[in-house]
Amino acid sequence: MDLLTPEIGLLFWNTISFLILLFLLGKFAWKPVMKAIGERERSIEDALDAAEKAKAEMSRLTSENEQLLKKAREERDLILKEAKQIKDQMLKDAKDLAQKEGARLIENAKLEINNQKAIAISEVKDQVSTLSIAIARKILESELSDQVKQEVLVDKLLKEVKLN
């Protein structure tokens, strides 16, 4: 039961040894421990600051990414729109050219048909005139072989012809 009721000397020496221990710990251990705790606190704060900066940077990069994607989509839409316009214009030009070429070919065909028709009509007229002359010659030869028939024909023609 000595421990429950300590003597004065024991209390004195315990207090002195505690104060010496406290002095030694304060001189040699407390400063390095506090320094280590301070450094650890600063490193945690620095890490938190760095994390905040990284978060802000990620947010900024995400925002920039979204803006770049939006701009890229707009450019893509513009390029697609221009390509569609170019395609439509090329189709229209090709259609116009085909129509003009078709009209030109039809016009050329009509001209060729008219030329061929004129040539055919001319040939038919030549043949008709040749045949008419040949028929007229034969008729005249047969009609004019007899003197009486010649006189009757001349009289008939003179009656038909009226002088102005």
N, C-alpha and C. Protein backbone atom coordinates (compact mmCIF):
# COMPACT_ATOMS: atom_id res chain seq x y z
N MET A 1 0.80 -1.17 0.00
CA MET A 1 0.00 0.00 0.00
C MET A 1 0.86 1.25 0.00
N ASP A 2 2.05 1.04 -0.20
CA ASP A 2 2.96 2.17 -0.27
C ASP A 2 2.67 3.04 -1.49
N LEU A 3 2.18 2.46 -2.44
CA LEU A 3 1.93 3.23 -3.66
C LEU A 3 0.70 4.11 -3.53
N LEU A 4 -0.21 3.71 -2.67
CA LEU A 4 -1.42 4.50 -2.51
C LEU A 4 -1.14 5.72 -1.62
N THR A 5 -0.22 5.62 -0.76
CA THR A 5 0.14 6.75 0.10
C THR A 5 1.63 7.00 -0.04
N PRO A 6 2.03 7.70 -1.01
CA PRO A 6 3.47 7.88 -1.25
C PRO A 6 4.07 8.85 -0.24
N GLU A 7 5.30 8.67 -0.07
CA GLU A 7 6.02 9.53 0.84
C GLU A 7 6.46 10.78 0.09
N ILE A 8 6.88 11.79 0.88
CA ILE A 8 7.26 13.08 0.33
C ILE A 8 8.50 12.95 -0.54
N GLY A 9 9.43 12.20 -0.14
CA GLY A 9 10.68 12.04 -0.89
C GLY A 9 10.39 11.42 -2.26
N LEU A 10 9.50 10.43 -2.25
CA LEU A 10 9.15 9.78 -3.51
C LEU A 10 8.45 10.78 -4.43
N LEU A 11 7.58 11.60 -3.85
CA LEU A 11 6.88 12.60 -4.65
C LEU A 11 7.89 13.63 -5.17
N PHE A 12 8.83 14.01 -4.34
CA PHE A 12 9.82 14.98 -4.76
C PHE A 12 10.63 14.47 -5.93
N TRP A 13 11.18 13.26 -5.77
CA TRP A 13 12.01 12.68 -6.83
C TRP A 13 11.17 12.38 -8.09
N ASN A 14 9.98 11.99 -7.91
CA ASN A 14 9.11 11.75 -9.09
C ASN A 14 8.83 13.06 -9.81
N THR A 15 8.62 14.12 -9.06
CA THR A 15 8.35 15.41 -9.68
C THR A 15 9.60 15.92 -10.38
N ILE A 16 10.77 15.78 -9.73
CA ILE A 16 12.00 16.24 -10.36
C ILE A 16 12.28 15.41 -11.61
N SER A 17 12.12 14.10 -11.54
CA SER A 17 12.39 13.27 -12.72
C SER A 17 11.36 13.59 -13.83
N PHE A 18 10.13 13.93 -13.42
CA PHE A 18 9.13 14.29 -14.43
C PHE A 18 9.49 15.62 -15.09
N LEU A 19 9.95 16.58 -14.28
CA LEU A 19 10.35 17.87 -14.83
C LEU A 19 11.57 17.72 -15.73
N ILE A 20 12.55 16.90 -15.32
CA ILE A 20 13.72 16.67 -16.16
C ILE A 20 13.29 16.01 -17.47
N LEU A 21 12.41 15.02 -17.35
CA LEU A 21 11.91 14.33 -18.55
C LEU A 21 11.14 15.31 -19.43
N LEU A 22 10.35 16.17 -18.78
CA LEU A 22 9.59 17.16 -19.54
C LEU A 22 10.55 18.14 -20.21
N PHE A 23 11.61 18.57 -19.50
CA PHE A 23 12.59 19.47 -20.07
C PHE A 23 13.31 18.81 -21.25
N LEU A 24 13.75 17.56 -21.03
CA LEU A 24 14.45 16.85 -22.12
C LEU A 24 13.53 16.62 -23.32
N LEU A 25 12.32 16.22 -23.06
CA LEU A 25 11.38 16.01 -24.17
C LEU A 25 11.10 17.34 -24.87
N GLY A 26 10.94 18.41 -24.08
CA GLY A 26 10.69 19.72 -24.67
C GLY A 26 11.88 20.18 -25.49
N LYS A 27 13.09 19.92 -25.00
CA LYS A 27 14.29 20.39 -25.68
C LYS A 27 14.60 19.53 -26.89
N PHE A 28 14.52 18.21 -26.74
CA PHE A 28 14.99 17.33 -27.82
C PHE A 28 13.85 16.66 -28.61
N ALA A 29 12.74 16.37 -28.04
CA ALA A 29 11.72 15.60 -28.74
C ALA A 29 10.54 16.48 -29.19
N TRP A 30 10.15 17.42 -28.34
CA TRP A 30 8.95 18.20 -28.66
C TRP A 30 9.12 19.01 -29.93
N LYS A 31 10.24 19.72 -30.12
CA LYS A 31 10.46 20.53 -31.31
C LYS A 31 10.48 19.67 -32.57
N PRO A 32 11.24 18.55 -32.61
CA PRO A 32 11.21 17.73 -33.83
C PRO A 32 9.82 17.15 -34.11
N VAL A 33 9.10 16.75 -33.03
CA VAL A 33 7.75 16.21 -33.23
C VAL A 33 6.84 17.31 -33.76
N MET A 34 6.92 18.51 -33.17
CA MET A 34 6.09 19.62 -33.65
C MET A 34 6.48 20.04 -35.06
N LYS A 35 7.80 19.99 -35.30
CA LYS A 35 8.27 20.32 -36.64
C LYS A 35 7.74 19.31 -37.64
N ALA A 36 7.79 18.03 -37.30
CA ALA A 36 7.29 16.97 -38.19
C ALA A 36 5.79 17.12 -38.39
N ILE A 37 5.07 17.45 -37.30
CA ILE A 37 3.62 17.66 -37.42
C ILE A 37 3.33 18.87 -38.30
N GLY A 38 4.10 19.95 -38.13
CA GLY A 38 3.94 21.15 -38.96
C GLY A 38 4.22 20.85 -40.44
N GLU A 39 5.31 20.11 -40.66
CA GLU A 39 5.64 19.75 -42.04
C GLU A 39 4.54 18.87 -42.64
N ARG A 40 4.06 17.95 -41.83
CA ARG A 40 2.98 17.06 -42.30
C ARG A 40 1.73 17.88 -42.59
N GLU A 41 1.44 18.85 -41.75
CA GLU A 41 0.28 19.71 -41.96
C GLU A 41 0.44 20.53 -43.24
N ARG A 42 1.66 21.09 -43.42
CA ARG A 42 1.92 21.86 -44.64
C ARG A 42 1.82 20.96 -45.88
N SER A 43 2.37 19.76 -45.79
CA SER A 43 2.31 18.86 -46.95
C SER A 43 0.87 18.47 -47.26
N ILE A 44 0.05 18.29 -46.20
CA ILE A 44 -1.37 17.98 -46.42
C ILE A 44 -2.07 19.18 -47.05
N GLU A 45 -1.77 20.39 -46.55
CA GLU A 45 -2.36 21.59 -47.13
C GLU A 45 -1.93 21.78 -48.58
N ASP A 46 -0.61 21.54 -48.82
CA ASP A 46 -0.11 21.63 -50.19
C ASP A 46 -0.80 20.61 -51.10
N ALA A 47 -0.97 19.40 -50.57
CA ALA A 47 -1.64 18.37 -51.36
C ALA A 47 -3.09 18.76 -51.63
N LEU A 48 -3.76 19.33 -50.61
CA LEU A 48 -5.14 19.78 -50.81
C LEU A 48 -5.19 20.93 -51.83
N ASP A 49 -4.23 21.86 -51.70
CA ASP A 49 -4.17 22.95 -52.68
C ASP A 49 -3.92 22.42 -54.09
N ALA A 50 -2.99 21.48 -54.17
CA ALA A 50 -2.70 20.88 -55.48
C ALA A 50 -3.93 20.15 -56.02
N ALA A 51 -4.65 19.46 -55.15
CA ALA A 51 -5.87 18.77 -55.57
C ALA A 51 -6.91 19.77 -56.04
N GLU A 52 -7.05 20.90 -55.33
CA GLU A 52 -7.99 21.94 -55.75
C GLU A 52 -7.59 22.51 -57.10
N LYS A 53 -6.26 22.77 -57.24
CA LYS A 53 -5.77 23.29 -58.52
C LYS A 53 -6.02 22.27 -59.63
N ALA A 54 -5.75 21.00 -59.35
CA ALA A 54 -5.98 19.95 -60.34
C ALA A 54 -7.46 19.86 -60.68
N LYS A 55 -8.31 19.99 -59.66
CA LYS A 55 -9.75 19.95 -59.89
C LYS A 55 -10.18 21.13 -60.77
N ALA A 56 -9.64 22.34 -60.43
CA ALA A 56 -9.95 23.52 -61.23
C ALA A 56 -9.43 23.35 -62.66
N GLU A 57 -8.22 22.81 -62.78
CA GLU A 57 -7.64 22.58 -64.11
C GLU A 57 -8.48 21.57 -64.90
N MET A 58 -8.91 20.51 -64.22
CA MET A 58 -9.75 19.51 -64.87
C MET A 58 -11.07 20.13 -65.31
N SER A 59 -11.62 20.98 -64.46
CA SER A 59 -12.86 21.67 -64.80
C SER A 59 -12.65 22.56 -66.01
N ARG A 60 -11.54 23.29 -66.00
CA ARG A 60 -11.22 24.17 -67.14
C ARG A 60 -11.01 23.36 -68.40
N LEU A 61 -10.25 22.26 -68.28
CA LEU A 61 -10.00 21.41 -69.44
C LEU A 61 -11.30 20.78 -69.96
N THR A 62 -12.15 20.37 -69.03
CA THR A 62 -13.44 19.81 -69.44
C THR A 62 -14.26 20.85 -70.19
N SER A 63 -14.24 22.07 -69.65
CA SER A 63 -14.96 23.16 -70.31
C SER A 63 -14.38 23.43 -71.69
N GLU A 64 -13.05 23.49 -71.78
CA GLU A 64 -12.39 23.69 -73.08
C GLU A 64 -12.71 22.55 -74.03
N ASN A 65 -12.69 21.32 -73.50
CA ASN A 65 -13.03 20.15 -74.32
C ASN A 65 -14.43 20.27 -74.89
N GLU A 66 -15.37 20.66 -74.03
CA GLU A 66 -16.75 20.81 -74.47
C GLU A 66 -16.85 21.91 -75.53
N GLN A 67 -16.12 23.01 -75.33
CA GLN A 67 -16.14 24.08 -76.32
C GLN A 67 -15.53 23.60 -77.64
N LEU A 68 -14.40 22.87 -77.55
CA LEU A 68 -13.78 22.34 -78.76
C LEU A 68 -14.70 21.36 -79.47
N LEU A 69 -15.37 20.51 -78.71
CA LEU A 69 -16.32 19.57 -79.31
C LEU A 69 -17.48 20.31 -79.98
N LYS A 70 -17.97 21.34 -79.30
CA LYS A 70 -19.06 22.13 -79.86
C LYS A 70 -18.61 22.80 -81.16
N LYS A 71 -17.40 23.37 -81.13
CA LYS A 71 -16.86 24.04 -82.31
C LYS A 71 -16.64 23.02 -83.44
N ALA A 72 -16.12 21.85 -83.08
CA ALA A 72 -15.89 20.80 -84.08
C ALA A 72 -17.21 20.35 -84.69
N ARG A 73 -18.24 20.21 -83.85
CA ARG A 73 -19.57 19.83 -84.38
C ARG A 73 -20.11 20.90 -85.31
N GLU A 74 -19.94 22.17 -84.92
CA GLU A 74 -20.40 23.27 -85.78
C GLU A 74 -19.66 23.25 -87.11
N GLU A 75 -18.34 23.06 -87.06
CA GLU A 75 -17.54 23.01 -88.29
C GLU A 75 -17.97 21.81 -89.14
N ARG A 76 -18.20 20.66 -88.47
CA ARG A 76 -18.65 19.48 -89.21
C ARG A 76 -19.98 19.75 -89.89
N ASP A 77 -20.91 20.37 -89.15
CA ASP A 77 -22.21 20.69 -89.72
C ASP A 77 -22.08 21.65 -90.90
N LEU A 78 -21.19 22.64 -90.75
CA LEU A 78 -20.96 23.60 -91.82
C LEU A 78 -20.37 22.90 -93.04
N ILE A 79 -19.38 22.03 -92.82
CA ILE A 79 -18.77 21.31 -93.94
C ILE A 79 -19.80 20.42 -94.62
N LEU A 80 -20.63 19.74 -93.84
CA LEU A 80 -21.67 18.88 -94.43
C LEU A 80 -22.67 19.71 -95.22
N LYS A 81 -23.02 20.89 -94.68
CA LYS A 81 -23.96 21.76 -95.37
C LYS A 81 -23.36 22.23 -96.70
N GLU A 82 -22.09 22.64 -96.66
CA GLU A 82 -21.42 23.09 -97.89
C GLU A 82 -21.31 21.95 -98.89
N ALA A 83 -20.99 20.75 -98.39
CA ALA A 83 -20.88 19.59 -99.29
C ALA A 83 -22.23 19.29 -99.93
N LYS A 84 -23.31 19.42 -99.16
CA LYS A 84 -24.64 19.17 -99.71
C LYS A 84 -24.98 20.23 -100.76
N GLN A 85 -24.62 21.48 -100.48
CA GLN A 85 -24.88 22.54 -101.45
C GLN A 85 -24.09 22.30 -102.73
N ILE A 86 -22.82 21.90 -102.58
CA ILE A 86 -21.99 21.62 -103.75
C ILE A 86 -22.57 20.46 -104.54
N LYS A 87 -23.00 19.41 -103.82
CA LYS A 87 -23.61 18.25 -104.49
C LYS A 87 -24.86 18.66 -105.24
N ASP A 88 -25.73 19.45 -104.58
CA ASP A 88 -26.96 19.90 -105.22
C ASP A 88 -26.65 20.75 -106.46
N GLN A 89 -25.65 21.63 -106.32
CA GLN A 89 -25.27 22.49 -107.45
C GLN A 89 -24.71 21.64 -108.60
N MET A 90 -23.89 20.64 -108.27
CA MET A 90 -23.33 19.78 -109.30
C MET A 90 -24.44 18.99 -110.00
N LEU A 91 -25.41 18.50 -109.23
CA LEU A 91 -26.54 17.78 -109.84
C LEU A 91 -27.35 18.71 -110.74
N LYS A 92 -27.59 19.93 -110.25
CA LYS A 92 -28.35 20.89 -111.05
C LYS A 92 -27.60 21.23 -112.33
N ASP A 93 -26.28 21.47 -112.21
CA ASP A 93 -25.48 21.79 -113.39
C ASP A 93 -25.48 20.63 -114.38
N ALA A 94 -25.34 19.40 -113.85
CA ALA A 94 -25.33 18.23 -114.73
C ALA A 94 -26.68 18.07 -115.41
N LYS A 95 -27.76 18.31 -114.66
CA LYS A 95 -29.11 18.20 -115.23
C LYS A 95 -29.30 19.26 -116.31
N ASP A 96 -28.89 20.49 -116.02
CA ASP A 96 -29.00 21.57 -117.01
C ASP A 96 -28.20 21.24 -118.26
N LEU A 97 -26.98 20.77 -118.05
CA LEU A 97 -26.13 20.43 -119.18
C LEU A 97 -26.75 19.30 -120.00
N ALA A 98 -27.32 18.31 -119.31
CA ALA A 98 -27.96 17.19 -120.02
C ALA A 98 -29.17 17.68 -120.80
N GLN A 99 -29.94 18.59 -120.20
CA GLN A 99 -31.10 19.12 -120.90
C GLN A 99 -30.67 19.93 -122.13
N LYS A 100 -29.63 20.76 -121.97
CA LYS A 100 -29.14 21.56 -123.10
C LYS A 100 -28.61 20.64 -124.21
N GLU A 101 -27.85 19.63 -123.79
CA GLU A 101 -27.30 18.70 -124.77
C GLU A 101 -28.42 17.94 -125.47
N GLY A 102 -29.43 17.51 -124.70
CA GLY A 102 -30.58 16.82 -125.29
C GLY A 102 -31.32 17.72 -126.27
N ALA A 103 -31.53 18.98 -125.87
CA ALA A 103 -32.21 19.93 -126.76
C ALA A 103 -31.39 20.15 -128.03
N ARG A 104 -30.08 20.25 -127.87
CA ARG A 104 -29.21 20.45 -129.04
C ARG A 104 -29.27 19.23 -129.96
N LEU A 105 -29.24 18.03 -129.36
CA LEU A 105 -29.33 16.81 -130.18
C LEU A 105 -30.68 16.73 -130.89
N ILE A 106 -31.76 17.10 -130.18
CA ILE A 106 -33.09 17.08 -130.81
C ILE A 106 -33.14 18.09 -131.95
N GLU A 107 -32.58 19.28 -131.73
CA GLU A 107 -32.56 20.31 -132.77
C GLU A 107 -31.75 19.83 -133.98
N ASN A 108 -30.60 19.23 -133.71
CA ASN A 108 -29.79 18.69 -134.81
C ASN A 108 -30.54 17.60 -135.55
N ALA A 109 -31.24 16.74 -134.81
CA ALA A 109 -32.01 15.67 -135.45
C ALA A 109 -33.13 16.26 -136.30
N LYS A 110 -33.82 17.31 -135.79
CA LYS A 110 -34.87 17.96 -136.58
C LYS A 110 -34.30 18.57 -137.85
N LEU A 111 -33.16 19.24 -137.72
CA LEU A 111 -32.52 19.83 -138.90
C LEU A 111 -32.15 18.74 -139.90
N GLU A 112 -31.60 17.66 -139.41
CA GLU A 112 -31.21 16.56 -140.29
C GLU A 112 -32.44 15.95 -140.96
N ILE A 113 -33.52 15.79 -140.17
CA ILE A 113 -34.77 15.25 -140.74
C ILE A 113 -35.30 16.19 -141.81
N ASN A 114 -35.31 17.51 -141.53
CA ASN A 114 -35.79 18.49 -142.51
C ASN A 114 -34.92 18.47 -143.77
N ASN A 115 -33.61 18.38 -143.56
CA ASN A 115 -32.69 18.32 -144.73
C ASN A 115 -32.96 17.07 -145.55
N GLN A 116 -33.10 15.94 -144.87
CA GLN A 116 -33.37 14.69 -145.58
C GLN A 116 -34.73 14.75 -146.29
N LYS A 117 -35.70 15.37 -145.60
CA LYS A 117 -37.04 15.52 -146.18
C LYS A 117 -36.97 16.38 -147.43
N ALA A 118 -36.23 17.51 -147.34
CA ALA A 118 -36.09 18.40 -148.49
C ALA A 118 -35.40 17.68 -149.64
N ILE A 119 -34.37 16.91 -149.31
CA ILE A 119 -33.66 16.15 -150.35
C ILE A 119 -34.60 15.13 -150.99
N ALA A 120 -35.39 14.42 -150.14
CA ALA A 120 -36.32 13.41 -150.65
C ALA A 120 -37.38 14.06 -151.52
N ILE A 121 -37.93 15.21 -151.05
CA ILE A 121 -38.94 15.92 -151.84
C ILE A 121 -38.34 16.38 -153.16
N SER A 122 -37.14 16.88 -153.12
CA SER A 122 -36.47 17.33 -154.35
C SER A 122 -36.27 16.17 -155.31
N GLU A 123 -35.87 15.03 -154.76
CA GLU A 123 -35.68 13.85 -155.61
C GLU A 123 -37.01 13.39 -156.20
N VAL A 124 -38.08 13.41 -155.36
CA VAL A 124 -39.41 13.02 -155.85
C VAL A 124 -39.86 13.97 -156.94
N LYS A 125 -39.64 15.29 -156.72
CA LYS A 125 -40.01 16.28 -157.75
C LYS A 125 -39.25 16.03 -159.05
N ASP A 126 -37.95 15.74 -158.90
CA ASP A 126 -37.16 15.47 -160.10
C ASP A 126 -37.71 14.26 -160.84
N GLN A 127 -38.02 13.23 -160.06
CA GLN A 127 -38.55 12.02 -160.69
C GLN A 127 -39.92 12.28 -161.31
N VAL A 128 -40.77 13.02 -160.57
CA VAL A 128 -42.10 13.35 -161.10
C VAL A 128 -41.97 14.19 -162.37
N SER A 129 -41.08 15.17 -162.35
CA SER A 129 -40.91 16.00 -163.56
C SER A 129 -40.36 15.18 -164.71
N THR A 130 -39.41 14.28 -164.39
CA THR A 130 -38.87 13.43 -165.46
C THR A 130 -39.97 12.53 -166.02
N LEU A 131 -40.75 11.94 -165.11
CA LEU A 131 -41.85 11.09 -165.55
C LEU A 131 -42.90 11.90 -166.31
N SER A 132 -43.21 13.11 -165.79
CA SER A 132 -44.20 13.97 -166.46
C SER A 132 -43.74 14.34 -167.85
N ILE A 133 -42.48 14.67 -167.98
CA ILE A 133 -41.94 15.02 -169.30
C ILE A 133 -42.01 13.80 -170.23
N ALA A 134 -41.63 12.66 -169.67
CA ALA A 134 -41.66 11.45 -170.50
C ALA A 134 -43.10 11.13 -170.92
N ILE A 135 -44.04 11.26 -169.97
CA ILE A 135 -45.45 10.99 -170.29
C ILE A 135 -45.95 12.02 -171.29
N ALA A 136 -45.63 13.30 -171.05
CA ALA A 136 -46.07 14.36 -171.96
C ALA A 136 -45.51 14.13 -173.36
N ARG A 137 -44.26 13.73 -173.44
CA ARG A 137 -43.63 13.47 -174.73
C ARG A 137 -44.39 12.36 -175.47
N LYS A 138 -44.67 11.29 -174.71
CA LYS A 138 -45.37 10.17 -175.34
C LYS A 138 -46.77 10.58 -175.77
N ILE A 139 -47.45 11.37 -174.90
CA ILE A 139 -48.79 11.82 -175.26
C ILE A 139 -48.72 12.74 -176.47
N LEU A 140 -47.79 13.67 -176.44
CA LEU A 140 -47.66 14.61 -177.56
C LEU A 140 -47.29 13.87 -178.84
N GLU A 141 -46.42 12.90 -178.70
CA GLU A 141 -46.05 12.14 -179.90
C GLU A 141 -47.27 11.42 -180.48
N SER A 142 -48.07 10.84 -179.57
CA SER A 142 -49.24 10.12 -180.07
C SER A 142 -50.31 11.09 -180.57
N GLU A 143 -50.47 12.24 -179.87
CA GLU A 143 -51.48 13.21 -180.25
C GLU A 143 -51.06 13.98 -181.49
N LEU A 144 -49.81 14.25 -181.59
CA LEU A 144 -49.35 15.11 -182.70
C LEU A 144 -48.96 14.30 -183.93
N SER A 145 -49.10 13.05 -183.85
CA SER A 145 -48.79 12.24 -185.03
C SER A 145 -49.87 12.40 -186.11
N ASP A 146 -51.02 12.74 -185.67
CA ASP A 146 -52.12 12.94 -186.63
C ASP A 146 -52.36 14.44 -186.75
N GLN A 147 -52.50 14.97 -188.00
CA GLN A 147 -52.65 16.39 -188.26
C GLN A 147 -53.97 16.90 -187.72
N VAL A 148 -55.01 16.20 -187.78
CA VAL A 148 -56.33 16.63 -187.33
C VAL A 148 -56.31 16.76 -185.81
N LYS A 149 -55.73 15.84 -185.15
CA LYS A 149 -55.65 15.87 -183.69
C LYS A 149 -54.84 17.08 -183.25
N GLN A 150 -53.83 17.44 -184.01
CA GLN A 150 -53.00 18.59 -183.66
C GLN A 150 -53.82 19.87 -183.75
N GLU A 151 -54.59 20.01 -184.74
CA GLU A 151 -55.38 21.22 -184.93
C GLU A 151 -56.44 21.33 -183.83
N VAL A 152 -57.07 20.22 -183.48
CA VAL A 152 -58.10 20.22 -182.45
C VAL A 152 -57.46 20.63 -181.11
N LEU A 153 -56.29 20.10 -180.82
CA LEU A 153 -55.59 20.42 -179.57
C LEU A 153 -55.21 21.89 -179.53
N VAL A 154 -54.73 22.45 -180.62
CA VAL A 154 -54.33 23.85 -180.65
C VAL A 154 -55.55 24.72 -180.45
N ASP A 155 -56.65 24.40 -181.09
CA ASP A 155 -57.88 25.18 -180.92
C ASP A 155 -58.34 25.13 -179.45
N LYS A 156 -58.30 23.98 -178.90
CA LYS A 156 -58.73 23.83 -177.52
C LYS A 156 -57.86 24.66 -176.58
N LEU A 157 -56.57 24.63 -176.78
CA LEU A 157 -55.64 25.38 -175.92
C LEU A 157 -55.83 26.88 -176.11
N LEU A 158 -56.09 27.31 -177.30
CA LEU A 158 -56.29 28.74 -177.56
C LEU A 158 -57.58 29.22 -176.88
N LYS A 159 -58.58 28.40 -176.83
CA LYS A 159 -59.82 28.78 -176.17
C LYS A 159 -59.61 28.89 -174.65
N GLU A 160 -58.78 28.03 -174.13
CA GLU A 160 -58.54 28.01 -172.67
C GLU A 160 -57.70 29.20 -172.23
N VAL A 161 -56.81 29.61 -173.08
CA VAL A 161 -55.94 30.70 -172.73
C VAL A 161 -56.67 32.01 -172.98
N LYS A 162 -56.74 32.82 -171.98
CA LYS A 162 -57.40 34.11 -172.09
C LYS A 162 -56.35 35.18 -171.99
N LEU A 163 -56.42 36.08 -172.87
CA LEU A 163 -55.46 37.19 -172.86
C LEU A 163 -56.00 38.32 -172.02
N ASN A 164 -55.16 38.98 -171.31
CA ASN A 164 -55.60 40.07 -170.43
C ASN A 164 -55.85 41.30 -171.21
